[in-house]
Amino acid sequence: MLWNPISVRRVIGVALGALAVAIGTATSASAEPPPPRPPNCTAADLSGIIAGVTAATSAYLFTHPPVNDFFTSLGGKSQEERRTELEAYMTANPQVRDELRGIRQPTRDFRNRCG
């Protein structure tokens, strides 16, 4: 059987591709594993934190009807309208802003600790 130039190029191309995959596999297998995650940085940990923050936010809104009314009034508005009204409300009500930041702090702590 005679090999034509196109067949030879295909065989060489397939061989080089296989060699590249083999080298890449060998190289990646010998690479060091990523560093371990910090403790308490799993999806389950995050879910628990979010559940706690959600429960605390709900309790806060139920015990602060004017704040609950404000957040309820944002429904149906555009994102830009909500953002503008939220900024104005929080500027006018710094105690509410600080209390809600305190409730959300565990999520910030998780993000800072776990990336």
Protein backbone atom coordinates (compact mmCIF):
# COMPACT_ATOMS: atom_id res chain seq x y z
CA MET A 1 0.00 0.00 0.00
CA LEU A 2 1.33 3.42 -0.91
CA TRP A 3 0.95 6.29 1.50
CA ASN A 4 -0.05 9.55 0.00
CA PRO A 5 1.16 12.80 1.57
CA ILE A 6 -2.26 13.62 3.05
CA SER A 7 -2.50 10.24 4.83
CA VAL A 8 1.01 10.64 6.25
CA ARG A 9 0.14 14.10 7.57
CA ARG A 10 -3.03 12.76 9.20
CA VAL A 11 -1.15 9.94 10.90
CA ILE A 12 1.52 12.34 12.13
CA GLY A 13 -1.15 14.80 13.31
CA VAL A 14 -3.01 12.09 15.24
CA ALA A 15 0.24 10.82 16.74
CA LEU A 16 1.31 14.31 17.81
CA GLY A 17 -2.14 14.96 19.29
CA ALA A 18 -2.01 11.72 21.26
CA LEU A 19 1.48 12.58 22.46
CA ALA A 20 0.33 16.03 23.60
CA VAL A 21 -2.58 14.51 25.53
CA ALA A 22 -0.27 11.94 27.14
CA ILE A 23 2.23 14.60 28.16
CA GLY A 24 -0.52 16.88 29.47
CA THR A 25 -2.02 14.04 31.51
CA ALA A 26 1.34 13.07 32.95
CA THR A 27 2.14 16.69 33.78
CA SER A 28 -1.20 17.38 35.42
CA ALA A 29 -1.05 14.15 37.40
CA SER A 30 2.28 15.17 38.91
CA ALA A 31 1.15 18.73 39.74
CA GLU A 32 0.67 19.49 43.40
CA PRO A 33 -2.90 19.38 44.68
CA PRO A 34 -4.55 22.69 45.54
CA PRO A 35 -4.14 23.84 49.13
CA PRO A 36 -6.82 22.62 51.54
CA ARG A 37 -9.82 24.82 52.18
CA PRO A 38 -9.93 26.70 55.46
CA PRO A 39 -12.11 24.99 58.08
CA ASN A 40 -15.86 25.62 57.97
CA CYS A 41 -15.86 26.73 54.32
CA THR A 42 -18.11 24.09 52.80
CA ALA A 43 -21.37 24.54 50.94
CA ALA A 44 -23.14 23.20 54.03
CA ASP A 45 -21.48 25.87 56.19
CA LEU A 46 -22.54 28.60 53.77
CA SER A 47 -26.11 27.26 53.63
CA GLY A 48 -26.30 27.29 57.41
CA ILE A 49 -25.03 30.85 57.57
CA ILE A 50 -27.49 32.00 54.93
CA ALA A 51 -30.34 30.26 56.75
CA GLY A 52 -29.40 32.00 60.00
CA VAL A 53 -29.12 35.40 58.33
CA THR A 54 -32.45 34.89 56.59
CA ALA A 55 -34.16 33.91 59.85
CA ALA A 56 -32.65 36.88 61.70
CA THR A 57 -33.69 39.25 58.91
CA SER A 58 -37.23 37.91 59.01
CA ALA A 59 -37.40 38.32 62.79
CA TYR A 60 -36.03 41.86 62.48
CA LEU A 61 -38.59 42.85 59.86
CA PHE A 62 -41.48 41.35 61.84
CA THR A 63 -40.40 43.28 64.94
CA HIS A 64 -39.83 46.53 63.00
CA PRO A 65 -43.06 47.10 61.01
CA PRO A 66 -41.99 50.43 59.45
CA VAL A 67 -38.83 48.82 58.07
CA ASN A 68 -40.86 45.85 56.86
CA ASP A 69 -43.29 48.22 55.15
CA PHE A 70 -40.45 50.05 53.43
CA PHE A 71 -38.90 46.85 52.03
CA THR A 72 -42.32 45.56 51.02
CA SER A 73 -42.94 48.81 49.12
CA LEU A 74 -39.92 48.11 46.90
CA GLY A 75 -41.71 45.23 45.19
CA GLY A 76 -42.53 45.87 41.55
CA LYS A 77 -40.03 48.70 41.17
CA SER A 78 -37.08 48.66 38.79
CA GLN A 79 -33.65 47.78 40.12
CA GLU A 80 -32.54 51.39 39.70
CA GLU A 81 -35.58 52.68 41.62
CA ARG A 82 -35.00 50.15 44.41
CA ARG A 83 -31.33 51.07 44.64
CA THR A 84 -32.07 54.80 44.80
CA GLU A 85 -34.82 54.43 47.40
CA LEU A 86 -32.76 52.00 49.48
CA GLU A 87 -29.78 54.36 49.58
CA ALA A 88 -32.01 57.26 50.61
CA TYR A 89 -33.76 55.18 53.27
CA MET A 90 -30.52 53.87 54.77
CA THR A 91 -28.99 57.34 54.80
CA ALA A 92 -32.06 58.67 56.61
CA ASN A 93 -32.13 55.68 59.00
CA PRO A 94 -28.54 54.89 60.05
CA GLN A 95 -29.61 52.75 63.01
CA VAL A 96 -31.62 50.46 60.71
CA ARG A 97 -28.66 50.36 58.30
CA ASP A 98 -26.27 49.37 61.09
CA GLU A 99 -28.63 46.75 62.55
CA LEU A 100 -29.15 45.12 59.14
CA ARG A 101 -25.40 45.18 58.48
CA GLY A 102 -24.91 43.42 61.81
CA ILE A 103 -27.41 40.74 60.82
CA ARG A 104 -25.61 40.20 57.48
CA GLN A 105 -22.12 40.22 59.05
CA PRO A 106 -21.80 36.41 59.18
CA THR A 107 -22.03 36.24 55.37
CA ARG A 108 -19.25 38.84 55.06
CA ASP A 109 -17.14 36.92 57.56
CA PHE A 110 -17.64 33.71 55.58
CA ARG A 111 -16.68 35.42 52.30
CA ASN A 112 -13.58 36.99 53.89
CA ARG A 113 -12.48 33.72 55.47
CA CYS A 114 -13.33 31.37 52.61
CA GLY A 115 -12.95 33.53 49.52
